[in-house]
Amino acid sequence: MIKVAINGFGRIGRILARIILQNKHFELIAINDIYDIYMMDYLLKHDSIYGNFKTKNTIKMTSCADITKLDWSGVDILFECSGIYTKEDELKYHLKNGAKKVILSTYSNELPMFIMGFNEEKYNNENIISSCSCTANCVVPVLSIIDKHIGIQKCNITTIHSYTSEQNLLDNKNTDIRRSRSATQNIIPLSSNVANASTYFLPHLKGKLSANSIRIPVGNGVLIDLHIKISQKSKLSHIKKILNKNINKNIVKISKNFIVSTDVKGIKYSSIIDENSIHLVQDDFLQLLLWQDNEYGYAQKVEQMAELMKEYL
């Protein structure tokens, strides 16, 4: 059995822990964060979005803020989910402290990055990798199909995103002036790095993608609005046929349902294409709406990357 550990027990770390604890191939042996151990245990078992969770497993929990002092003896794969440590030099401490492999659960331009359903087959036994961002995992597998079979001249990506813990519940000071406003009462425009993340995987589209994010007063779920100027004129029926034929059905789903955000809670897919919301203007301006559970769906892909890596241990 592969022994794994988690550093950083926020939203992704806790959902990832739940997924791992139900995987017969993995044994979760250690968790670290900077907050109280009793609180870590409580938040693993109780979640306002995903409900209560029970486990009989014994897990070592520590509360240590110094990455150089963490003990990962016996750990085969370490999930770095703190959001603090993203640089290769920092993550090498996990290897020095005993971990054999490290998966970073966010974007990093210093590391090899992999997205399930797009380039995971290129993994070549690297010791430290990134699973990129939840939004890139949602966008890239779909964008790549449109680009390959029709062509993309330019694209704007708008991420309509549930609020996150870095925002304020009520108006209060924040390092970002818009994040200072109440997440539960406002629609808040923010910047997004998904264009840069996407061009890591699709470098020929550099300069052709733009992105922004809008945080909305819901606790879970993401809707991504793609506006694409395609390279060749097409028909809506042809585009739908291309998507249906070329998607990886384990990663991307096309849904005929009239989806709203609560419908995607707990969904494993990186991306759900909303078939009812595919529009084509003058044969060359395409709109796609993509849905994702930005926590559970993304954590599933991080765990699946670990499944792939374990074959190299």
C-alpha atoms as a PDB file:
ATOM      1  CA  MET A   1       0.000   0.000   0.000  1.00  0.00           C
ATOM      2  CA  ILE A   2       1.280   3.466  -0.914  1.00  0.00           C
ATOM      3  CA  LYS A   3       1.800   5.715   2.110  1.00  0.00           C
ATOM      4  CA  VAL A   4       0.796   9.339   1.568  1.00  0.00           C
ATOM      5  CA  ALA A   5       0.718  12.551   3.589  1.00  0.00           C
ATOM      6  CA  ILE A   6      -0.763  16.036   3.272  1.00  0.00           C
ATOM      7  CA  ASN A   7       0.836  19.377   4.112  1.00  0.00           C
ATOM      8  CA  GLY A   8      -1.792  22.104   4.238  1.00  0.00           C
ATOM      9  CA  PHE A   9      -5.211  21.128   5.499  1.00  0.00           C
ATOM     10  CA  GLY A  10      -7.452  23.740   3.926  1.00  0.00           C
ATOM     11  CA  ARG A  11     -10.343  23.090   1.541  1.00  0.00           C
ATOM     12  CA  ILE A  12      -8.385  21.021  -1.003  1.00  0.00           C
ATOM     13  CA  GLY A  13      -6.351  19.200   1.645  1.00  0.00           C
ATOM     14  CA  ARG A  14      -9.435  18.105   3.558  1.00  0.00           C
ATOM     15  CA  ILE A  15     -11.425  16.984   0.500  1.00  0.00           C
ATOM     16  CA  LEU A  16      -8.333  15.168  -0.770  1.00  0.00           C
ATOM     17  CA  ALA A  17      -8.033  13.414   2.601  1.00  0.00           C
ATOM     18  CA  ARG A  18     -11.614  12.158   2.331  1.00  0.00           C
ATOM     19  CA  ILE A  19     -10.964  10.813  -1.170  1.00  0.00           C
ATOM     20  CA  ILE A  20      -7.705   9.121  -0.170  1.00  0.00           C
ATOM     21  CA  LEU A  21      -9.240   7.509   2.898  1.00  0.00           C
ATOM     22  CA  GLN A  22     -11.675   5.727   0.570  1.00  0.00           C
ATOM     23  CA  ASN A  23      -8.924   4.528  -1.794  1.00  0.00           C
ATOM     24  CA  LYS A  24      -7.682   1.002  -1.115  1.00  0.00           C
ATOM     25  CA  HIS A  25      -4.336   1.752  -2.801  1.00  0.00           C
ATOM     26  CA  PHE A  26      -3.376   4.549  -0.402  1.00  0.00           C
ATOM     27  CA  GLU A  27      -2.784   4.846   3.320  1.00  0.00           C
ATOM     28  CA  LEU A  28      -2.933   8.396   4.692  1.00  0.00           C
ATOM     29  CA  ILE A  29      -0.360   8.379   7.499  1.00  0.00           C
ATOM     30  CA  ALA A  30       0.267  12.068   8.278  1.00  0.00           C
ATOM     31  CA  ILE A  31      -1.299  15.534   8.010  1.00  0.00           C
ATOM     32  CA  ASN A  32       0.292  18.864   8.866  1.00  0.00           C
ATOM     33  CA  ASP A  33      -0.989  22.417   9.054  1.00  0.00           C
ATOM     34  CA  ILE A  34      -0.282  25.429  11.234  1.00  0.00           C
ATOM     35  CA  TYR A  35      -3.545  25.335  13.173  1.00  0.00           C
ATOM     36  CA  ASP A  36      -4.763  23.296  16.155  1.00  0.00           C
ATOM     37  CA  ILE A  37      -4.756  19.482  15.786  1.00  0.00           C
ATOM     38  CA  TYR A  38      -8.171  19.144  17.416  1.00  0.00           C
ATOM     39  CA  MET A  39      -9.547  21.619  14.865  1.00  0.00           C
ATOM     40  CA  MET A  40      -7.972  19.663  11.992  1.00  0.00           C
ATOM     41  CA  ASP A  41      -9.656  16.491  13.178  1.00  0.00           C
ATOM     42  CA  TYR A  42     -12.981  18.271  13.617  1.00  0.00           C
ATOM     43  CA  LEU A  43     -12.925  19.832  10.142  1.00  0.00           C
ATOM     44  CA  LEU A  44     -12.043  16.512   8.525  1.00  0.00           C
ATOM     45  CA  LYS A  45     -15.155  14.949  10.070  1.00  0.00           C
ATOM     46  CA  HIS A  46     -17.563  17.876   9.608  1.00  0.00           C
ATOM     47  CA  ASP A  47     -18.015  19.882   6.425  1.00  0.00           C
ATOM     48  CA  SER A  48     -20.829  22.316   5.698  1.00  0.00           C
ATOM     49  CA  ILE A  49     -20.810  21.529   1.963  1.00  0.00           C
ATOM     50  CA  TYR A  50     -20.021  17.813   1.787  1.00  0.00           C
ATOM     51  CA  GLY A  51     -21.521  16.661   5.086  1.00  0.00           C
ATOM     52  CA  ASN A  52     -20.103  14.495   7.856  1.00  0.00           C
ATOM     53  CA  PHE A  53     -17.334  11.948   7.308  1.00  0.00           C
ATOM     54  CA  LYS A  54     -16.307   8.958   9.397  1.00  0.00           C
ATOM     55  CA  THR A  55     -13.029   7.060   9.317  1.00  0.00           C
ATOM     56  CA  LYS A  56     -11.490   4.396  11.531  1.00  0.00           C
ATOM     57  CA  ASN A  57      -7.990   5.157  10.286  1.00  0.00           C
ATOM     58  CA  THR A  58      -5.346   6.451  12.653  1.00  0.00           C
ATOM     59  CA  ILE A  59      -3.583   9.481  11.195  1.00  0.00           C
ATOM     60  CA  LYS A  60      -0.655  11.354  12.695  1.00  0.00           C
ATOM     61  CA  MET A  61      -1.524  15.063  12.825  1.00  0.00           C
ATOM     62  CA  THR A  62       1.011  17.797  13.498  1.00  0.00           C
ATOM     63  CA  SER A  63       0.925  21.573  13.730  1.00  0.00           C
ATOM     64  CA  CYS A  64       4.226  22.925  12.409  1.00  0.00           C
ATOM     65  CA  ALA A  65       4.826  26.140  10.448  1.00  0.00           C
ATOM     66  CA  ASP A  66       8.462  25.414   9.530  1.00  0.00           C
ATOM     67  CA  ILE A  67       8.700  23.376   6.317  1.00  0.00           C
ATOM     68  CA  THR A  68      12.324  22.489   7.091  1.00  0.00           C
ATOM     69  CA  LYS A  69      11.338  20.658  10.286  1.00  0.00           C
ATOM     70  CA  LEU A  70       8.567  18.409   8.967  1.00  0.00           C
ATOM     71  CA  ASP A  71       9.166  14.673   9.273  1.00  0.00           C
ATOM     72  CA  TRP A  72       7.959  12.710   6.248  1.00  0.00           C
ATOM     73  CA  SER A  73       9.736   9.464   7.056  1.00  0.00           C
ATOM     74  CA  GLY A  74       8.039   6.557   5.281  1.00  0.00           C
ATOM     75  CA  VAL A  75       5.960   8.836   3.008  1.00  0.00           C
ATOM     76  CA  ASP A  76       5.820   7.726  -0.619  1.00  0.00           C
ATOM     77  CA  ILE A  77       3.796  10.679  -1.960  1.00  0.00           C
ATOM     78  CA  LEU A  78       3.392  14.049  -0.239  1.00  0.00           C
ATOM     79  CA  PHE A  79       0.532  16.331  -1.279  1.00  0.00           C
ATOM     80  CA  GLU A  80       1.533  19.983  -0.820  1.00  0.00           C
ATOM     81  CA  CYS A  81      -1.793  21.777  -0.382  1.00  0.00           C
ATOM     82  CA  SER A  82      -0.872  24.763   1.778  1.00  0.00           C
ATOM     83  CA  GLY A  83      -0.862  27.260  -1.080  1.00  0.00           C
ATOM     84  CA  ILE A  84       2.195  28.819   0.577  1.00  0.00           C
ATOM     85  CA  TYR A  85       5.034  26.722  -0.799  1.00  0.00           C
ATOM     86  CA  THR A  86       5.087  26.710  -4.602  1.00  0.00           C
ATOM     87  CA  LYS A  87       8.770  27.096  -5.453  1.00  0.00           C
ATOM     88  CA  GLU A  88      10.943  24.120  -6.299  1.00  0.00           C
ATOM     89  CA  ASP A  89      13.626  25.038  -3.748  1.00  0.00           C
ATOM     90  CA  GLU A  90      11.010  25.076  -1.000  1.00  0.00           C
ATOM     91  CA  LEU A  91       9.388  21.822  -2.043  1.00  0.00           C
ATOM     92  CA  LYS A  92      12.749  20.035  -2.079  1.00  0.00           C
ATOM     93  CA  TYR A  93      12.614  20.161   1.730  1.00  0.00           C
ATOM     94  CA  HIS A  94       9.829  17.574   1.575  1.00  0.00           C
ATOM     95  CA  LEU A  95      12.211  15.226  -0.245  1.00  0.00           C
ATOM     96  CA  LYS A  96      15.036  15.968   2.192  1.00  0.00           C
ATOM     97  CA  ASN A  97      12.657  15.210   5.057  1.00  0.00           C
ATOM     98  CA  GLY A  98      11.722  11.771   3.753  1.00  0.00           C
ATOM     99  CA  ALA A  99       9.037  12.008   1.067  1.00  0.00           C
ATOM    100  CA  LYS A 100       9.790  10.217  -2.207  1.00  0.00           C
ATOM    101  CA  LYS A 101       7.432  12.221  -4.440  1.00  0.00           C
ATOM    102  CA  VAL A 102       5.648  15.572  -4.100  1.00  0.00           C
ATOM    103  CA  ILE A 103       2.474  16.794  -5.839  1.00  0.00           C
ATOM    104  CA  LEU A 104       1.723  20.496  -5.574  1.00  0.00           C
ATOM    105  CA  SER A 105      -1.997  21.270  -5.725  1.00  0.00           C
ATOM    106  CA  THR A 106      -1.713  24.641  -7.409  1.00  0.00           C
ATOM    107  CA  TYR A 107      -0.055  26.383 -10.343  1.00  0.00           C
ATOM    108  CA  SER A 108       3.734  26.781 -10.415  1.00  0.00           C
ATOM    109  CA  ASN A 109       5.776  27.968 -13.374  1.00  0.00           C
ATOM    110  CA  GLU A 110       8.879  26.365 -11.841  1.00  0.00           C
ATOM    111  CA  LEU A 111       7.638  22.767 -11.967  1.00  0.00           C
ATOM    112  CA  PRO A 112       6.528  20.226 -14.554  1.00  0.00           C
ATOM    113  CA  MET A 113       2.733  20.539 -14.652  1.00  0.00           C
ATOM    114  CA  PHE A 114       0.270  17.826 -15.532  1.00  0.00           C
ATOM    115  CA  ILE A 115      -3.462  17.854 -16.204  1.00  0.00           C
ATOM    116  CA  MET A 116      -5.343  14.570 -16.211  1.00  0.00           C
ATOM    117  CA  GLY A 117      -6.938  13.992 -19.575  1.00  0.00           C
ATOM    118  CA  PHE A 118      -4.438  16.173 -21.365  1.00  0.00           C
ATOM    119  CA  ASN A 119      -0.750  15.391 -20.759  1.00  0.00           C
ATOM    120  CA  GLU A 120      -0.467  12.929 -17.862  1.00  0.00           C
ATOM    121  CA  GLU A 121       1.075  10.345 -20.199  1.00  0.00           C
ATOM    122  CA  LYS A 122       4.157  12.598 -20.419  1.00  0.00           C
ATOM    123  CA  TYR A 123       4.953  12.054 -16.752  1.00  0.00           C
ATOM    124  CA  ASN A 124       8.529  10.730 -16.658  1.00  0.00           C
ATOM    125  CA  ASN A 125       9.210   9.840 -13.021  1.00  0.00           C
ATOM    126  CA  GLU A 126       9.762  13.441 -11.868  1.00  0.00           C
ATOM    127  CA  ASN A 127       9.975  13.751  -8.080  1.00  0.00           C
ATOM    128  CA  ILE A 128       8.201  17.114  -7.753  1.00  0.00           C
ATOM    129  CA  ILE A 129       5.277  18.085  -9.985  1.00  0.00           C
ATOM    130  CA  SER A 130       2.265  20.386 -10.061  1.00  0.00           C
ATOM    131  CA  SER A 131      -1.345  19.481 -10.838  1.00  0.00           C
ATOM    132  CA  CYS A 132      -1.831  23.101 -11.901  1.00  0.00           C
ATOM    133  CA  SER A 133      -5.020  24.906 -10.870  1.00  0.00           C
ATOM    134  CA  CYS A 134      -8.620  23.751 -10.639  1.00  0.00           C
ATOM    135  CA  THR A 135      -9.632  26.196 -13.381  1.00  0.00           C
ATOM    136  CA  ALA A 136      -6.912  25.058 -15.790  1.00  0.00           C
ATOM    137  CA  ASN A 137      -7.957  21.448 -15.201  1.00  0.00           C
ATOM    138  CA  CYS A 138     -11.461  22.460 -16.244  1.00  0.00           C
ATOM    139  CA  VAL A 139     -10.519  24.567 -19.280  1.00  0.00           C
ATOM    140  CA  VAL A 140      -7.479  22.959 -20.932  1.00  0.00           C
ATOM    141  CA  PRO A 141      -8.962  19.554 -21.916  1.00  0.00           C
ATOM    142  CA  VAL A 142     -11.863  21.303 -23.664  1.00  0.00           C
ATOM    143  CA  LEU A 143      -9.930  24.212 -25.136  1.00  0.00           C
ATOM    144  CA  SER A 144      -7.376  21.818 -26.616  1.00  0.00           C
ATOM    145  CA  ILE A 145     -10.086  19.932 -28.546  1.00  0.00           C
ATOM    146  CA  ILE A 146     -11.493  23.125 -30.068  1.00  0.00           C
ATOM    147  CA  ASP A 147      -7.984  24.278 -30.931  1.00  0.00           C
ATOM    148  CA  LYS A 148      -6.937  20.979 -32.517  1.00  0.00           C
ATOM    149  CA  HIS A 149     -10.023  20.378 -34.650  1.00  0.00           C
ATOM    150  CA  ILE A 150     -11.228  23.891 -35.484  1.00  0.00           C
ATOM    151  CA  GLY A 151      -8.551  26.351 -34.412  1.00  0.00           C
ATOM    152  CA  ILE A 152      -8.578  29.277 -31.990  1.00  0.00           C
ATOM    153  CA  GLN A 153      -7.795  32.841 -33.048  1.00  0.00           C
ATOM    154  CA  LYS A 154      -8.480  34.350 -29.632  1.00  0.00           C
ATOM    155  CA  CYS A 155     -10.383  33.488 -26.458  1.00  0.00           C
ATOM    156  CA  ASN A 156     -11.603  35.204 -23.311  1.00  0.00           C
ATOM    157  CA  ILE A 157     -12.081  33.058 -20.209  1.00  0.00           C
ATOM    158  CA  THR A 158     -14.400  34.298 -17.467  1.00  0.00           C
ATOM    159  CA  THR A 159     -14.396  32.206 -14.313  1.00  0.00           C
ATOM    160  CA  ILE A 160     -17.584  32.659 -12.266  1.00  0.00           C
ATOM    161  CA  HIS A 161     -16.312  31.237  -9.009  1.00  0.00           C
ATOM    162  CA  SER A 162     -17.691  30.477  -5.556  1.00  0.00           C
ATOM    163  CA  TYR A 163     -16.120  32.546  -2.796  1.00  0.00           C
ATOM    164  CA  THR A 164     -13.005  31.258  -1.043  1.00  0.00           C
ATOM    165  CA  SER A 165     -11.525  31.498   2.434  1.00  0.00           C
ATOM    166  CA  GLU A 166      -9.130  34.286   1.388  1.00  0.00           C
ATOM    167  CA  GLN A 167     -12.138  36.621   1.101  1.00  0.00           C
ATOM    168  CA  ASN A 168     -13.922  38.319   3.974  1.00  0.00           C
ATOM    169  CA  LEU A 169     -17.360  37.304   5.220  1.00  0.00           C
ATOM    170  CA  LEU A 170     -17.983  40.946   6.180  1.00  0.00           C
ATOM    171  CA  ASP A 171     -16.272  44.115   4.961  1.00  0.00           C
ATOM    172  CA  ASN A 172     -12.836  44.265   6.566  1.00  0.00           C
ATOM    173  CA  LYS A 173      -9.217  44.983   5.740  1.00  0.00           C
ATOM    174  CA  ASN A 174      -7.555  42.765   3.125  1.00  0.00           C
ATOM    175  CA  THR A 175      -4.379  42.920   1.049  1.00  0.00           C
ATOM    176  CA  ASP A 176      -6.602  43.023  -2.061  1.00  0.00           C
ATOM    177  CA  ILE A 177      -8.986  45.972  -1.994  1.00  0.00           C
ATOM    178  CA  ARG A 178     -11.913  44.141  -3.661  1.00  0.00           C
ATOM    179  CA  ARG A 179     -11.460  41.109  -1.403  1.00  0.00           C
ATOM    180  CA  SER A 180     -12.002  43.474   1.528  1.00  0.00           C
ATOM    181  CA  ARG A 181     -15.713  43.493   0.694  1.00  0.00           C
ATOM    182  CA  SER A 182     -18.165  40.887   1.984  1.00  0.00           C
ATOM    183  CA  ALA A 183     -17.990  37.650  -0.038  1.00  0.00           C
ATOM    184  CA  THR A 184     -21.547  36.710   0.948  1.00  0.00           C
ATOM    185  CA  GLN A 185     -23.128  39.971  -0.215  1.00  0.00           C
ATOM    186  CA  ASN A 186     -21.229  40.994  -3.330  1.00  0.00           C
ATOM    187  CA  ILE A 187     -20.315  39.974  -6.856  1.00  0.00           C
ATOM    188  CA  ILE A 188     -16.577  40.690  -6.874  1.00  0.00           C
ATOM    189  CA  PRO A 189     -14.383  40.975  -9.999  1.00  0.00           C
ATOM    190  CA  LEU A 190     -10.840  39.650  -9.559  1.00  0.00           C
ATOM    191  CA  SER A 191      -7.885  38.753 -11.739  1.00  0.00           C
ATOM    192  CA  SER A 192      -7.235  35.193 -12.966  1.00  0.00           C
ATOM    193  CA  ASN A 193      -4.074  33.302 -13.895  1.00  0.00           C
ATOM    194  CA  VAL A 194      -5.852  30.681 -16.011  1.00  0.00           C
ATOM    195  CA  ALA A 195      -4.713  32.247 -19.293  1.00  0.00           C
ATOM    196  CA  ASN A 196      -1.050  31.887 -18.277  1.00  0.00           C
ATOM    197  CA  ALA A 197      -1.685  28.389 -16.950  1.00  0.00           C
ATOM    198  CA  SER A 198      -3.436  27.358 -20.160  1.00  0.00           C
ATOM    199  CA  THR A 199      -0.624  28.594 -22.401  1.00  0.00           C
ATOM    200  CA  TYR A 200       1.831  26.427 -20.470  1.00  0.00           C
ATOM    201  CA  PHE A 201      -0.021  23.485 -22.017  1.00  0.00           C
ATOM    202  CA  LEU A 202      -0.957  25.242 -25.277  1.00  0.00           C
ATOM    203  CA  PRO A 203       2.055  27.516 -25.859  1.00  0.00           C
ATOM    204  CA  HIS A 204       1.068  28.445 -29.424  1.00  0.00           C
ATOM    205  CA  LEU A 205      -1.929  30.300 -27.937  1.00  0.00           C
ATOM    206  CA  LYS A 206       0.259  32.687 -25.958  1.00  0.00           C
ATOM    207  CA  GLY A 207      -1.035  36.211 -26.431  1.00  0.00           C
ATOM    208  CA  LYS A 208      -4.368  34.926 -27.725  1.00  0.00           C
ATOM    209  CA  LEU A 209      -5.999  34.216 -24.348  1.00  0.00           C
ATOM    210  CA  SER A 210      -7.274  36.606 -21.702  1.00  0.00           C
ATOM    211  CA  ALA A 211      -8.967  35.788 -18.419  1.00  0.00           C
ATOM    212  CA  ASN A 212     -10.764  37.290 -15.458  1.00  0.00           C
ATOM    213  CA  SER A 213     -12.557  35.915 -12.429  1.00  0.00           C
ATOM    214  CA  ILE A 214     -15.829  36.908 -10.802  1.00  0.00           C
ATOM    215  CA  ARG A 215     -16.475  35.705  -7.267  1.00  0.00           C
ATOM    216  CA  ILE A 216     -20.124  35.212  -6.402  1.00  0.00           C
ATOM    217  CA  PRO A 217     -22.013  34.573  -3.130  1.00  0.00           C
ATOM    218  CA  VAL A 218     -22.187  30.769  -3.295  1.00  0.00           C
ATOM    219  CA  GLY A 219     -20.034  28.349  -1.317  1.00  0.00           C
ATOM    220  CA  ASN A 220     -19.224  25.757  -3.973  1.00  0.00           C
ATOM    221  CA  GLY A 221     -19.013  25.328  -7.720  1.00  0.00           C
ATOM    222  CA  VAL A 222     -17.539  27.084 -10.734  1.00  0.00           C
ATOM    223  CA  LEU A 223     -19.034  28.156 -14.071  1.00  0.00           C
ATOM    224  CA  ILE A 224     -16.505  29.031 -16.775  1.00  0.00           C
ATOM    225  CA  ASP A 225     -17.666  31.134 -19.713  1.00  0.00           C
ATOM    226  CA  LEU A 226     -15.501  30.691 -22.823  1.00  0.00           C
ATOM    227  CA  HIS A 227     -15.847  33.178 -25.691  1.00  0.00           C
ATOM    228  CA  ILE A 228     -13.813  31.860 -28.607  1.00  0.00           C
ATOM    229  CA  LYS A 229     -13.122  33.354 -32.038  1.00  0.00           C
ATOM    230  CA  ILE A 230     -12.550  30.157 -34.016  1.00  0.00           C
ATOM    231  CA  SER A 231     -10.190  29.971 -36.991  1.00  0.00           C
ATOM    232  CA  GLN A 232     -12.553  28.385 -39.463  1.00  0.00           C
ATOM    233  CA  LYS A 233     -16.268  28.866 -39.913  1.00  0.00           C
ATOM    234  CA  SER A 234     -18.321  25.985 -38.637  1.00  0.00           C
ATOM    235  CA  LYS A 235     -21.804  24.798 -37.725  1.00  0.00           C
ATOM    236  CA  LEU A 236     -23.118  24.237 -34.217  1.00  0.00           C
ATOM    237  CA  SER A 237     -23.925  20.591 -35.024  1.00  0.00           C
ATOM    238  CA  HIS A 238     -20.347  20.051 -36.230  1.00  0.00           C
ATOM    239  CA  ILE A 239     -18.856  21.528 -33.055  1.00  0.00           C
ATOM    240  CA  LYS A 240     -21.052  19.355 -30.855  1.00  0.00           C
ATOM    241  CA  LYS A 241     -20.025  16.302 -32.886  1.00  0.00           C
ATOM    242  CA  ILE A 242     -16.341  17.148 -32.453  1.00  0.00           C
ATOM    243  CA  LEU A 243     -16.725  17.552 -28.698  1.00  0.00           C
ATOM    244  CA  ASN A 244     -18.704  14.320 -28.299  1.00  0.00           C
ATOM    245  CA  LYS A 245     -16.197  12.365 -30.385  1.00  0.00           C
ATOM    246  CA  ASN A 246     -12.978  13.660 -28.824  1.00  0.00           C
ATOM    247  CA  ILE A 247     -13.564  14.231 -25.115  1.00  0.00           C
ATOM    248  CA  ASN A 248     -12.030  11.867 -22.592  1.00  0.00           C
ATOM    249  CA  LYS A 249     -15.247  10.664 -20.977  1.00  0.00           C
ATOM    250  CA  ASN A 250     -13.484   9.935 -17.681  1.00  0.00           C
ATOM    251  CA  ILE A 251     -12.410  13.571 -17.423  1.00  0.00           C
ATOM    252  CA  VAL A 252     -15.006  15.620 -19.301  1.00  0.00           C
ATOM    253  CA  LYS A 253     -18.756  15.105 -19.515  1.00  0.00           C
ATOM    254  CA  ILE A 254     -21.259  16.663 -21.899  1.00  0.00           C
ATOM    255  CA  SER A 255     -24.572  17.211 -20.148  1.00  0.00           C
ATOM    256  CA  LYS A 256     -27.992  17.827 -21.669  1.00  0.00           C
ATOM    257  CA  ASN A 257     -29.368  18.690 -18.226  1.00  0.00           C
ATOM    258  CA  PHE A 258     -30.266  22.245 -17.300  1.00  0.00           C
ATOM    259  CA  ILE A 259     -27.523  22.565 -14.698  1.00  0.00           C
ATOM    260  CA  VAL A 260     -27.244  25.069 -11.861  1.00  0.00           C
ATOM    261  CA  SER A 261     -24.316  25.297  -9.458  1.00  0.00           C
ATOM    262  CA  THR A 262     -25.654  23.005  -6.722  1.00  0.00           C
ATOM    263  CA  ASP A 263     -25.989  20.204  -9.283  1.00  0.00           C
ATOM    264  CA  VAL A 264     -22.198  19.867  -9.618  1.00  0.00           C
ATOM    265  CA  LYS A 265     -21.445  19.384  -5.919  1.00  0.00           C
ATOM    266  CA  GLY A 266     -19.401  16.207  -5.486  1.00  0.00           C
ATOM    267  CA  ILE A 267     -19.027  15.640  -9.247  1.00  0.00           C
ATOM    268  CA  LYS A 268     -15.714  13.953 -10.133  1.00  0.00           C
ATOM    269  CA  TYR A 269     -15.256  15.421 -13.618  1.00  0.00           C
ATOM    270  CA  SER A 270     -12.716  18.142 -14.369  1.00  0.00           C
ATOM    271  CA  SER A 271     -15.258  19.737 -16.674  1.00  0.00           C
ATOM    272  CA  ILE A 272     -18.928  19.417 -17.553  1.00  0.00           C
ATOM    273  CA  ILE A 273     -19.865  20.965 -20.895  1.00  0.00           C
ATOM    274  CA  ASP A 274     -23.327  22.518 -20.721  1.00  0.00           C
ATOM    275  CA  GLU A 275     -24.759  21.393 -24.079  1.00  0.00           C
ATOM    276  CA  ASN A 276     -27.782  23.660 -23.731  1.00  0.00           C
ATOM    277  CA  SER A 277     -25.457  26.666 -23.553  1.00  0.00           C
ATOM    278  CA  ILE A 278     -23.282  26.111 -26.620  1.00  0.00           C
ATOM    279  CA  HIS A 279     -23.840  29.036 -28.960  1.00  0.00           C
ATOM    280  CA  LEU A 280     -22.332  30.019 -32.300  1.00  0.00           C
ATOM    281  CA  VAL A 281     -22.590  33.545 -33.739  1.00  0.00           C
ATOM    282  CA  GLN A 282     -22.021  34.111 -37.476  1.00  0.00           C
ATOM    283  CA  ASP A 283     -20.368  30.696 -37.782  1.00  0.00           C
ATOM    284  CA  ASP A 284     -17.072  31.735 -36.139  1.00  0.00           C
ATOM    285  CA  PHE A 285     -17.769  33.109 -32.628  1.00  0.00           C
ATOM    286  CA  LEU A 286     -18.295  30.297 -30.132  1.00  0.00           C
ATOM    287  CA  GLN A 287     -19.553  30.382 -26.548  1.00  0.00           C
ATOM    288  CA  LEU A 288     -19.136  27.415 -24.226  1.00  0.00           C
ATOM    289  CA  LEU A 289     -20.199  27.120 -20.583  1.00  0.00           C
ATOM    290  CA  LEU A 290     -18.239  24.667 -18.443  1.00  0.00           C
ATOM    291  CA  TRP A 291     -19.156  23.527 -14.928  1.00  0.00           C
ATOM    292  CA  GLN A 292     -16.867  22.135 -12.224  1.00  0.00           C
ATOM    293  CA  ASP A 293     -16.841  21.303  -8.546  1.00  0.00           C
ATOM    294  CA  ASN A 294     -13.657  23.290  -7.964  1.00  0.00           C
ATOM    295  CA  GLU A 295     -12.909  21.402  -4.741  1.00  0.00           C
ATOM    296  CA  TYR A 296     -14.046  17.810  -5.150  1.00  0.00           C
ATOM    297  CA  GLY A 297     -13.521  17.550  -8.917  1.00  0.00           C
ATOM    298  CA  TYR A 298     -10.033  19.023  -8.690  1.00  0.00           C
ATOM    299  CA  ALA A 299      -9.038  16.949  -5.643  1.00  0.00           C
ATOM    300  CA  GLN A 300     -10.091  13.849  -7.593  1.00  0.00           C
ATOM    301  CA  LYS A 301      -7.615  14.762 -10.334  1.00  0.00           C
ATOM    302  CA  VAL A 302      -4.797  15.343  -7.834  1.00  0.00           C
ATOM    303  CA  GLU A 303      -5.484  11.885  -6.398  1.00  0.00           C
ATOM    304  CA  GLN A 304      -5.567  10.366  -9.897  1.00  0.00           C
ATOM    305  CA  MET A 305      -2.161  11.891 -10.627  1.00  0.00           C
ATOM    306  CA  ALA A 306      -0.887  10.138  -7.506  1.00  0.00           C
ATOM    307  CA  GLU A 307      -2.350   6.888  -8.830  1.00  0.00           C
ATOM    308  CA  LEU A 308      -0.219   7.337 -11.914  1.00  0.00           C
ATOM    309  CA  MET A 309       2.911   8.254  -9.943  1.00  0.00           C
ATOM    310  CA  LYS A 310       2.673   5.251  -7.641  1.00  0.00           C
ATOM    311  CA  GLU A 311       3.626   2.972 -10.529  1.00  0.00           C
ATOM    312  CA  TYR A 312       7.093   4.577 -10.460  1.00  0.00           C
ATOM    313  CA  LEU A 313       7.767   3.984  -6.757  1.00  0.00           C
END
